[in-house]
Amino acid sequence: MLSNGRRMKFDIARACRAPGTRRAADALRAVLRRALPQACTLCAAACDDAMLCAACAMQMPRIAYACPQCALPSPDNLLCGACLANAPPYAATIAAWRYAFPADQLLQAFKYGAQLALAEPLALALCHAVHARAMPVPDRLIAMPLSAQRQRERGFNHAHEIARRISSSTRVRLERAFRRTRDAPPQAGLTLRERARNVRDAFEATRSLAGLSVAIVDDVMTTGATLAAAATAARAAGAVRVEAWVVARTPPP
């Protein structure tokens, strides 16, 4: 969704949903941005062709010091006790923001409001976080898959929309290498143990990942159960290293 100075709105979500028209939709979005002065999605201030103004982008909630493996707060960026005691199947987690206001509002508008243009600032924030780590990028990106039923209901895969923009920016190939083996109920409202049980064996690789390092891209990481299940599937397919790349990390209660 794009807006001009009068807050006129242009919804191009339908165009973006069809794989064959995504490139044309991206080109249309770029043309509209150049033709119309943009207003910040959060504060409505002028922001050239960006979705967020510089002031709002600087004030997004970030994790000052985080465990490099799970991205939860940790003094001096040291490996946390939980990861030392029971290491997850992903070797590292990169999170651009904490899941807090106003990042949560952007993510909800994107995911549940079908405001697909918001995938751009979300992907940009994650790209900045990846660049700040100053480490080699993986061989492949993999978007967290949705079940066929969930994707039909929503009309798009939010993780794929973020991942394809990251792929374009980083030049890391985006691979369709996973599928959902079953339609697990939503994770919201479940305990940690219930979440792990809910997604156990919920993914399988559709191609070999032998010898490759991969990053699994998703919007939000809460307990890490879903990403752990996907990382386990990637390792079973031969991946030598698996990372989790998320826009936001939910802080501990």
C-alpha atoms as a PDB file:
ATOM      1  CA  MET A   1       0.000   0.000   0.000  1.00  0.00           C
ATOM      2  CA  LEU A   2       1.396   3.386  -1.026  1.00  0.00           C
ATOM      3  CA  SER A   3       0.246   6.861  -0.122  1.00  0.00           C
ATOM      4  CA  ASN A   4       0.718  10.407  -1.380  1.00  0.00           C
ATOM      5  CA  GLY A   5       0.571  13.688   0.514  1.00  0.00           C
ATOM      6  CA  ARG A   6      -3.240  13.538   0.629  1.00  0.00           C
ATOM      7  CA  ARG A   7      -3.114  10.005   2.060  1.00  0.00           C
ATOM      8  CA  MET A   8      -4.580   8.497  -1.092  1.00  0.00           C
ATOM      9  CA  LYS A   9      -4.049   4.746  -0.986  1.00  0.00           C
ATOM     10  CA  PHE A  10      -3.022   2.355  -3.729  1.00  0.00           C
ATOM     11  CA  ASP A  11      -3.568  -1.299  -2.865  1.00  0.00           C
ATOM     12  CA  ILE A  12      -1.460  -3.542  -5.107  1.00  0.00           C
ATOM     13  CA  ALA A  13      -1.682  -6.640  -2.912  1.00  0.00           C
ATOM     14  CA  ARG A  14      -3.733  -8.534  -5.460  1.00  0.00           C
ATOM     15  CA  ALA A  15      -1.123  -7.998  -8.129  1.00  0.00           C
ATOM     16  CA  CYS A  16       1.651  -9.168  -5.822  1.00  0.00           C
ATOM     17  CA  ARG A  17      -0.128 -12.377  -4.858  1.00  0.00           C
ATOM     18  CA  ALA A  18       0.118 -13.989  -8.281  1.00  0.00           C
ATOM     19  CA  PRO A  19       3.690 -15.246  -8.839  1.00  0.00           C
ATOM     20  CA  GLY A  20       3.579 -14.344 -12.538  1.00  0.00           C
ATOM     21  CA  THR A  21       2.780 -10.701 -11.848  1.00  0.00           C
ATOM     22  CA  ARG A  22       5.123  -9.970  -8.930  1.00  0.00           C
ATOM     23  CA  ARG A  23       7.806  -8.406 -11.104  1.00  0.00           C
ATOM     24  CA  ALA A  24       5.278  -6.128 -12.778  1.00  0.00           C
ATOM     25  CA  ALA A  25       3.799  -5.217  -9.396  1.00  0.00           C
ATOM     26  CA  ASP A  26       7.252  -4.315  -8.052  1.00  0.00           C
ATOM     27  CA  ALA A  27       7.868  -2.112 -11.087  1.00  0.00           C
ATOM     28  CA  LEU A  28       4.478  -0.438 -10.621  1.00  0.00           C
ATOM     29  CA  ARG A  29       5.230   0.215  -6.971  1.00  0.00           C
ATOM     30  CA  ALA A  30       8.578   1.830  -7.893  1.00  0.00           C
ATOM     31  CA  VAL A  31       6.910   4.068 -10.485  1.00  0.00           C
ATOM     32  CA  LEU A  32       4.238   5.192  -8.016  1.00  0.00           C
ATOM     33  CA  ARG A  33       6.847   5.980  -5.397  1.00  0.00           C
ATOM     34  CA  ARG A  34       8.817   8.163  -7.761  1.00  0.00           C
ATOM     35  CA  ALA A  35       5.683   9.910  -8.994  1.00  0.00           C
ATOM     36  CA  LEU A  36       4.072  10.584  -5.612  1.00  0.00           C
ATOM     37  CA  PRO A  37       5.615  12.079  -2.471  1.00  0.00           C
ATOM     38  CA  GLN A  38       5.621   9.401   0.210  1.00  0.00           C
ATOM     39  CA  ALA A  39       4.385   9.707   3.778  1.00  0.00           C
ATOM     40  CA  CYS A  40       5.858   7.648   6.614  1.00  0.00           C
ATOM     41  CA  THR A  41       3.673   4.655   7.409  1.00  0.00           C
ATOM     42  CA  LEU A  42       3.934   5.371  11.137  1.00  0.00           C
ATOM     43  CA  CYS A  43       3.952   9.153  11.571  1.00  0.00           C
ATOM     44  CA  ALA A  44       2.866  10.457   8.130  1.00  0.00           C
ATOM     45  CA  ALA A  45       5.959  12.675   7.813  1.00  0.00           C
ATOM     46  CA  ALA A  46       7.453  13.155   4.363  1.00  0.00           C
ATOM     47  CA  CYS A  47      10.059  10.471   3.645  1.00  0.00           C
ATOM     48  CA  ASP A  48      10.938  10.672  -0.069  1.00  0.00           C
ATOM     49  CA  ASP A  49      10.497   7.170  -1.524  1.00  0.00           C
ATOM     50  CA  ALA A  50      10.854   5.190   1.734  1.00  0.00           C
ATOM     51  CA  MET A  51       8.041   3.609   3.713  1.00  0.00           C
ATOM     52  CA  LEU A  52       9.484   4.815   7.038  1.00  0.00           C
ATOM     53  CA  CYS A  53      11.011   8.201   7.760  1.00  0.00           C
ATOM     54  CA  ALA A  54      14.541   8.316   9.179  1.00  0.00           C
ATOM     55  CA  ALA A  55      13.316   9.301  12.656  1.00  0.00           C
ATOM     56  CA  CYS A  56      10.886   6.367  12.931  1.00  0.00           C
ATOM     57  CA  ALA A  57      13.444   3.942  11.520  1.00  0.00           C
ATOM     58  CA  MET A  58      15.943   5.026  14.191  1.00  0.00           C
ATOM     59  CA  GLN A  59      13.384   4.554  16.979  1.00  0.00           C
ATOM     60  CA  MET A  60      12.385   0.993  16.116  1.00  0.00           C
ATOM     61  CA  PRO A  61      12.834  -1.360  19.104  1.00  0.00           C
ATOM     62  CA  ARG A  62      16.155  -3.156  18.981  1.00  0.00           C
ATOM     63  CA  ILE A  63      17.896  -5.723  21.163  1.00  0.00           C
ATOM     64  CA  ALA A  64      20.980  -4.066  22.596  1.00  0.00           C
ATOM     65  CA  TYR A  65      22.819  -7.282  23.524  1.00  0.00           C
ATOM     66  CA  ALA A  66      21.637 -10.686  22.355  1.00  0.00           C
ATOM     67  CA  CYS A  67      22.627 -14.326  22.457  1.00  0.00           C
ATOM     68  CA  PRO A  68      24.087 -15.075  19.012  1.00  0.00           C
ATOM     69  CA  GLN A  69      22.260 -18.394  18.822  1.00  0.00           C
ATOM     70  CA  CYS A  70      18.695 -17.557  19.915  1.00  0.00           C
ATOM     71  CA  ALA A  71      18.681 -13.713  19.825  1.00  0.00           C
ATOM     72  CA  LEU A  72      17.239 -13.353  23.317  1.00  0.00           C
ATOM     73  CA  PRO A  73      18.806 -10.636  25.496  1.00  0.00           C
ATOM     74  CA  SER A  74      22.201 -11.683  26.837  1.00  0.00           C
ATOM     75  CA  PRO A  75      24.971  -9.620  28.508  1.00  0.00           C
ATOM     76  CA  ASP A  76      27.824  -8.679  26.161  1.00  0.00           C
ATOM     77  CA  ASN A  77      26.288 -10.749  23.328  1.00  0.00           C
ATOM     78  CA  LEU A  78      27.398 -13.958  25.029  1.00  0.00           C
ATOM     79  CA  LEU A  79      25.851 -17.369  24.431  1.00  0.00           C
ATOM     80  CA  CYS A  80      22.974 -17.659  26.892  1.00  0.00           C
ATOM     81  CA  GLY A  81      22.617 -20.388  29.496  1.00  0.00           C
ATOM     82  CA  ALA A  82      19.641 -21.982  27.757  1.00  0.00           C
ATOM     83  CA  CYS A  83      21.581 -22.447  24.501  1.00  0.00           C
ATOM     84  CA  LEU A  84      24.619 -23.733  26.383  1.00  0.00           C
ATOM     85  CA  ALA A  85      22.464 -26.295  28.187  1.00  0.00           C
ATOM     86  CA  ASN A  86      20.282 -27.322  25.250  1.00  0.00           C
ATOM     87  CA  ALA A  87      21.494 -25.971  21.925  1.00  0.00           C
ATOM     88  CA  PRO A  88      18.762 -25.478  19.282  1.00  0.00           C
ATOM     89  CA  PRO A  89      19.222 -27.003  15.802  1.00  0.00           C
ATOM     90  CA  TYR A  90      19.956 -23.585  14.275  1.00  0.00           C
ATOM     91  CA  ALA A  91      23.468 -22.245  14.739  1.00  0.00           C
ATOM     92  CA  ALA A  92      22.586 -18.548  14.883  1.00  0.00           C
ATOM     93  CA  THR A  93      19.640 -16.158  14.902  1.00  0.00           C
ATOM     94  CA  ILE A  94      19.568 -12.677  13.410  1.00  0.00           C
ATOM     95  CA  ALA A  95      16.679 -10.456  14.489  1.00  0.00           C
ATOM     96  CA  ALA A  96      16.290  -6.881  13.289  1.00  0.00           C
ATOM     97  CA  TRP A  97      13.943  -5.724  16.061  1.00  0.00           C
ATOM     98  CA  ARG A  98      12.268  -6.680  19.309  1.00  0.00           C
ATOM     99  CA  TYR A  99       8.619  -7.565  18.840  1.00  0.00           C
ATOM    100  CA  ALA A 100       7.314  -4.415  20.494  1.00  0.00           C
ATOM    101  CA  PHE A 101       5.583  -1.197  19.474  1.00  0.00           C
ATOM    102  CA  PRO A 102       5.689   0.004  16.729  1.00  0.00           C
ATOM    103  CA  ALA A 103       7.378  -2.979  15.056  1.00  0.00           C
ATOM    104  CA  ASP A 104       4.476  -5.211  16.074  1.00  0.00           C
ATOM    105  CA  GLN A 105       2.014  -2.835  14.377  1.00  0.00           C
ATOM    106  CA  LEU A 106       3.953  -2.945  11.107  1.00  0.00           C
ATOM    107  CA  LEU A 107       4.174  -6.733  11.174  1.00  0.00           C
ATOM    108  CA  GLN A 108       0.485  -7.183  11.942  1.00  0.00           C
ATOM    109  CA  ALA A 109      -0.562  -4.753   9.197  1.00  0.00           C
ATOM    110  CA  PHE A 110       1.657  -6.643   6.755  1.00  0.00           C
ATOM    111  CA  LYS A 111       0.726 -10.173   7.786  1.00  0.00           C
ATOM    112  CA  TYR A 112      -2.978  -9.831   8.574  1.00  0.00           C
ATOM    113  CA  GLY A 113      -3.859  -6.639   6.687  1.00  0.00           C
ATOM    114  CA  ALA A 114      -2.276  -7.752   3.393  1.00  0.00           C
ATOM    115  CA  GLN A 115      -0.303  -4.495   3.138  1.00  0.00           C
ATOM    116  CA  LEU A 116       2.369  -6.156   1.041  1.00  0.00           C
ATOM    117  CA  ALA A 117       4.336  -2.964   0.427  1.00  0.00           C
ATOM    118  CA  LEU A 118       5.399  -3.181   4.085  1.00  0.00           C
ATOM    119  CA  ALA A 119       7.514  -6.199   3.177  1.00  0.00           C
ATOM    120  CA  GLU A 120      10.085  -3.719   1.882  1.00  0.00           C
ATOM    121  CA  PRO A 121      10.934  -1.891   5.143  1.00  0.00           C
ATOM    122  CA  LEU A 122      10.750  -5.209   7.025  1.00  0.00           C
ATOM    123  CA  ALA A 123      13.207  -6.837   4.613  1.00  0.00           C
ATOM    124  CA  LEU A 124      15.424  -3.738   4.649  1.00  0.00           C
ATOM    125  CA  ALA A 125      15.667  -3.818   8.445  1.00  0.00           C
ATOM    126  CA  LEU A 126      16.642  -7.477   8.366  1.00  0.00           C
ATOM    127  CA  CYS A 127      19.216  -6.827   5.629  1.00  0.00           C
ATOM    128  CA  HIS A 128      20.780  -4.138   7.802  1.00  0.00           C
ATOM    129  CA  ALA A 129      20.969  -6.571  10.723  1.00  0.00           C
ATOM    130  CA  VAL A 130      22.616  -9.200   8.512  1.00  0.00           C
ATOM    131  CA  HIS A 131      25.132  -6.655   7.225  1.00  0.00           C
ATOM    132  CA  ALA A 132      25.925  -5.465  10.757  1.00  0.00           C
ATOM    133  CA  ARG A 133      26.911  -8.989  11.759  1.00  0.00           C
ATOM    134  CA  ALA A 134      29.768  -8.811   9.209  1.00  0.00           C
ATOM    135  CA  MET A 135      29.897 -12.572   8.612  1.00  0.00           C
ATOM    136  CA  PRO A 136      29.659 -14.627   5.401  1.00  0.00           C
ATOM    137  CA  VAL A 137      26.136 -14.969   4.049  1.00  0.00           C
ATOM    138  CA  PRO A 138      24.693 -18.482   3.608  1.00  0.00           C
ATOM    139  CA  ASP A 139      24.476 -20.349   0.333  1.00  0.00           C
ATOM    140  CA  ARG A 140      20.673 -20.340   0.232  1.00  0.00           C
ATOM    141  CA  LEU A 141      17.663 -18.566   1.717  1.00  0.00           C
ATOM    142  CA  ILE A 142      14.514 -20.533   2.528  1.00  0.00           C
ATOM    143  CA  ALA A 143      11.219 -18.852   3.406  1.00  0.00           C
ATOM    144  CA  MET A 144       9.207 -20.487   6.154  1.00  0.00           C
ATOM    145  CA  PRO A 145       6.425 -22.301   4.263  1.00  0.00           C
ATOM    146  CA  LEU A 146       2.715 -22.071   4.980  1.00  0.00           C
ATOM    147  CA  SER A 147       0.325 -24.957   4.649  1.00  0.00           C
ATOM    148  CA  ALA A 148      -1.654 -24.982   1.404  1.00  0.00           C
ATOM    149  CA  GLN A 149      -4.849 -24.187   3.292  1.00  0.00           C
ATOM    150  CA  ARG A 150      -3.317 -21.256   5.200  1.00  0.00           C
ATOM    151  CA  GLN A 151      -1.822 -19.807   2.028  1.00  0.00           C
ATOM    152  CA  ARG A 152      -5.158 -20.052   0.209  1.00  0.00           C
ATOM    153  CA  GLU A 153      -6.858 -18.239   3.075  1.00  0.00           C
ATOM    154  CA  ARG A 154      -4.256 -15.464   3.307  1.00  0.00           C
ATOM    155  CA  GLY A 155      -3.488 -15.210  -0.398  1.00  0.00           C
ATOM    156  CA  PHE A 156       0.286 -14.925   0.076  1.00  0.00           C
ATOM    157  CA  ASN A 157       3.164 -16.265   2.143  1.00  0.00           C
ATOM    158  CA  HIS A 158       4.399 -13.395   4.316  1.00  0.00           C
ATOM    159  CA  ALA A 159       7.802 -15.032   4.901  1.00  0.00           C
ATOM    160  CA  HIS A 160       8.336 -15.486   1.163  1.00  0.00           C
ATOM    161  CA  GLU A 161       7.528 -11.830   0.471  1.00  0.00           C
ATOM    162  CA  ILE A 162      10.236 -10.786   2.935  1.00  0.00           C
ATOM    163  CA  ALA A 163      12.716 -13.440   1.782  1.00  0.00           C
ATOM    164  CA  ARG A 164      12.493 -12.630  -1.917  1.00  0.00           C
ATOM    165  CA  ARG A 165      13.364  -8.994  -1.223  1.00  0.00           C
ATOM    166  CA  ILE A 166      16.304 -10.063   0.943  1.00  0.00           C
ATOM    167  CA  SER A 167      17.426 -12.398  -1.826  1.00  0.00           C
ATOM    168  CA  SER A 168      17.336  -9.536  -4.318  1.00  0.00           C
ATOM    169  CA  SER A 169      19.388  -7.325  -2.005  1.00  0.00           C
ATOM    170  CA  THR A 170      21.955  -9.905  -0.851  1.00  0.00           C
ATOM    171  CA  ARG A 171      22.109 -11.915  -4.106  1.00  0.00           C
ATOM    172  CA  VAL A 172      21.657 -15.092  -2.073  1.00  0.00           C
ATOM    173  CA  ARG A 173      19.495 -17.564  -3.958  1.00  0.00           C
ATOM    174  CA  LEU A 174      15.993 -18.100  -2.575  1.00  0.00           C
ATOM    175  CA  GLU A 175      15.211 -21.810  -2.622  1.00  0.00           C
ATOM    176  CA  ARG A 176      11.781 -23.405  -2.396  1.00  0.00           C
ATOM    177  CA  ALA A 177      13.112 -26.339  -0.430  1.00  0.00           C
ATOM    178  CA  PHE A 178      10.491 -27.018   2.264  1.00  0.00           C
ATOM    179  CA  ARG A 179       6.892 -28.005   2.478  1.00  0.00           C
ATOM    180  CA  ARG A 180       4.457 -28.405   5.337  1.00  0.00           C
ATOM    181  CA  THR A 181       3.574 -32.024   5.927  1.00  0.00           C
ATOM    182  CA  ARG A 182       0.412 -31.080   7.795  1.00  0.00           C
ATOM    183  CA  ASP A 183      -1.634 -28.030   8.727  1.00  0.00           C
ATOM    184  CA  ALA A 184      -0.759 -27.435  12.369  1.00  0.00           C
ATOM    185  CA  PRO A 185      -3.038 -25.125  14.384  1.00  0.00           C
ATOM    186  CA  PRO A 186      -1.747 -21.581  15.051  1.00  0.00           C
ATOM    187  CA  GLN A 187       0.975 -21.352  17.701  1.00  0.00           C
ATOM    188  CA  ALA A 188      -0.541 -18.306  19.442  1.00  0.00           C
ATOM    189  CA  GLY A 189      -1.763 -19.093  22.939  1.00  0.00           C
ATOM    190  CA  LEU A 190       0.143 -22.375  23.273  1.00  0.00           C
ATOM    191  CA  THR A 191       2.726 -23.116  25.953  1.00  0.00           C
ATOM    192  CA  LEU A 192       6.340 -23.797  25.019  1.00  0.00           C
ATOM    193  CA  ARG A 193       5.842 -27.549  25.272  1.00  0.00           C
ATOM    194  CA  GLU A 194       2.603 -27.394  23.274  1.00  0.00           C
ATOM    195  CA  ARG A 195       4.269 -25.295  20.582  1.00  0.00           C
ATOM    196  CA  ALA A 196       7.086 -27.814  20.186  1.00  0.00           C
ATOM    197  CA  ARG A 197       4.609 -30.695  19.973  1.00  0.00           C
ATOM    198  CA  ASN A 198       2.401 -28.761  17.534  1.00  0.00           C
ATOM    199  CA  VAL A 199       5.154 -28.368  14.903  1.00  0.00           C
ATOM    200  CA  ARG A 200       7.075 -31.589  15.479  1.00  0.00           C
ATOM    201  CA  ASP A 201       7.681 -33.243  12.070  1.00  0.00           C
ATOM    202  CA  ALA A 202       5.583 -30.513  10.425  1.00  0.00           C
ATOM    203  CA  PHE A 203       8.210 -29.834   7.727  1.00  0.00           C
ATOM    204  CA  GLU A 204      10.123 -31.838   5.194  1.00  0.00           C
ATOM    205  CA  ALA A 205      12.682 -30.856   2.584  1.00  0.00           C
ATOM    206  CA  THR A 206      11.663 -31.207  -1.050  1.00  0.00           C
ATOM    207  CA  ARG A 207      15.245 -31.275  -2.319  1.00  0.00           C
ATOM    208  CA  SER A 208      18.728 -32.032  -1.094  1.00  0.00           C
ATOM    209  CA  LEU A 209      20.594 -29.350   0.831  1.00  0.00           C
ATOM    210  CA  ALA A 210      23.756 -31.457   1.119  1.00  0.00           C
ATOM    211  CA  GLY A 211      26.813 -29.371   1.913  1.00  0.00           C
ATOM    212  CA  LEU A 212      24.933 -26.061   1.931  1.00  0.00           C
ATOM    213  CA  SER A 213      24.573 -23.392   4.589  1.00  0.00           C
ATOM    214  CA  VAL A 214      21.037 -22.001   4.706  1.00  0.00           C
ATOM    215  CA  ALA A 215      19.091 -19.234   6.421  1.00  0.00           C
ATOM    216  CA  ILE A 216      15.407 -19.774   7.160  1.00  0.00           C
ATOM    217  CA  VAL A 217      13.492 -16.487   6.911  1.00  0.00           C
ATOM    218  CA  ASP A 218      10.371 -15.718   8.956  1.00  0.00           C
ATOM    219  CA  ASP A 219       8.605 -12.644  10.287  1.00  0.00           C
ATOM    220  CA  VAL A 220       8.575 -13.259  14.060  1.00  0.00           C
ATOM    221  CA  MET A 221      10.370 -15.680  16.365  1.00  0.00           C
ATOM    222  CA  THR A 222       8.533 -16.298  19.626  1.00  0.00           C
ATOM    223  CA  THR A 223       9.703 -19.477  21.345  1.00  0.00           C
ATOM    224  CA  GLY A 224      11.727 -20.724  18.387  1.00  0.00           C
ATOM    225  CA  ALA A 225       9.761 -23.989  18.168  1.00  0.00           C
ATOM    226  CA  THR A 226       8.672 -23.506  14.543  1.00  0.00           C
ATOM    227  CA  LEU A 227      12.126 -22.462  13.395  1.00  0.00           C
ATOM    228  CA  ALA A 228      13.661 -25.367  15.304  1.00  0.00           C
ATOM    229  CA  ALA A 229      11.355 -27.809  13.503  1.00  0.00           C
ATOM    230  CA  ALA A 230      12.252 -26.276  10.126  1.00  0.00           C
ATOM    231  CA  ALA A 231      15.969 -26.280  10.977  1.00  0.00           C
ATOM    232  CA  THR A 232      15.750 -29.954  11.916  1.00  0.00           C
ATOM    233  CA  ALA A 233      14.249 -30.689   8.483  1.00  0.00           C
ATOM    234  CA  ALA A 234      17.037 -28.712   6.794  1.00  0.00           C
ATOM    235  CA  ARG A 235      19.720 -30.600   8.668  1.00  0.00           C
ATOM    236  CA  ALA A 236      18.044 -33.902   7.770  1.00  0.00           C
ATOM    237  CA  ALA A 237      18.293 -32.818   4.114  1.00  0.00           C
ATOM    238  CA  GLY A 238      22.051 -32.353   4.487  1.00  0.00           C
ATOM    239  CA  ALA A 239      22.462 -28.680   5.393  1.00  0.00           C
ATOM    240  CA  VAL A 240      25.768 -28.162   7.180  1.00  0.00           C
ATOM    241  CA  ARG A 241      24.705 -24.943   8.877  1.00  0.00           C
ATOM    242  CA  VAL A 242      21.268 -23.471   9.524  1.00  0.00           C
ATOM    243  CA  GLU A 243      20.552 -19.909  10.631  1.00  0.00           C
ATOM    244  CA  ALA A 244      17.267 -18.244  11.576  1.00  0.00           C
ATOM    245  CA  TRP A 245      16.664 -14.782  10.090  1.00  0.00           C
ATOM    246  CA  VAL A 246      13.652 -12.973  11.517  1.00  0.00           C
ATOM    247  CA  VAL A 247      12.357  -9.429  11.430  1.00  0.00           C
ATOM    248  CA  ALA A 248      11.435  -9.453  15.119  1.00  0.00           C
ATOM    249  CA  ARG A 249      12.192 -11.505  18.212  1.00  0.00           C
ATOM    250  CA  THR A 250       9.596 -11.715  20.960  1.00  0.00           C
ATOM    251  CA  PRO A 251      11.203 -10.780  24.294  1.00  0.00           C
ATOM    252  CA  PRO A 252      10.930 -13.225  27.201  1.00  0.00           C
ATOM    253  CA  PRO A 253       7.936 -12.754  29.536  1.00  0.00           C
END
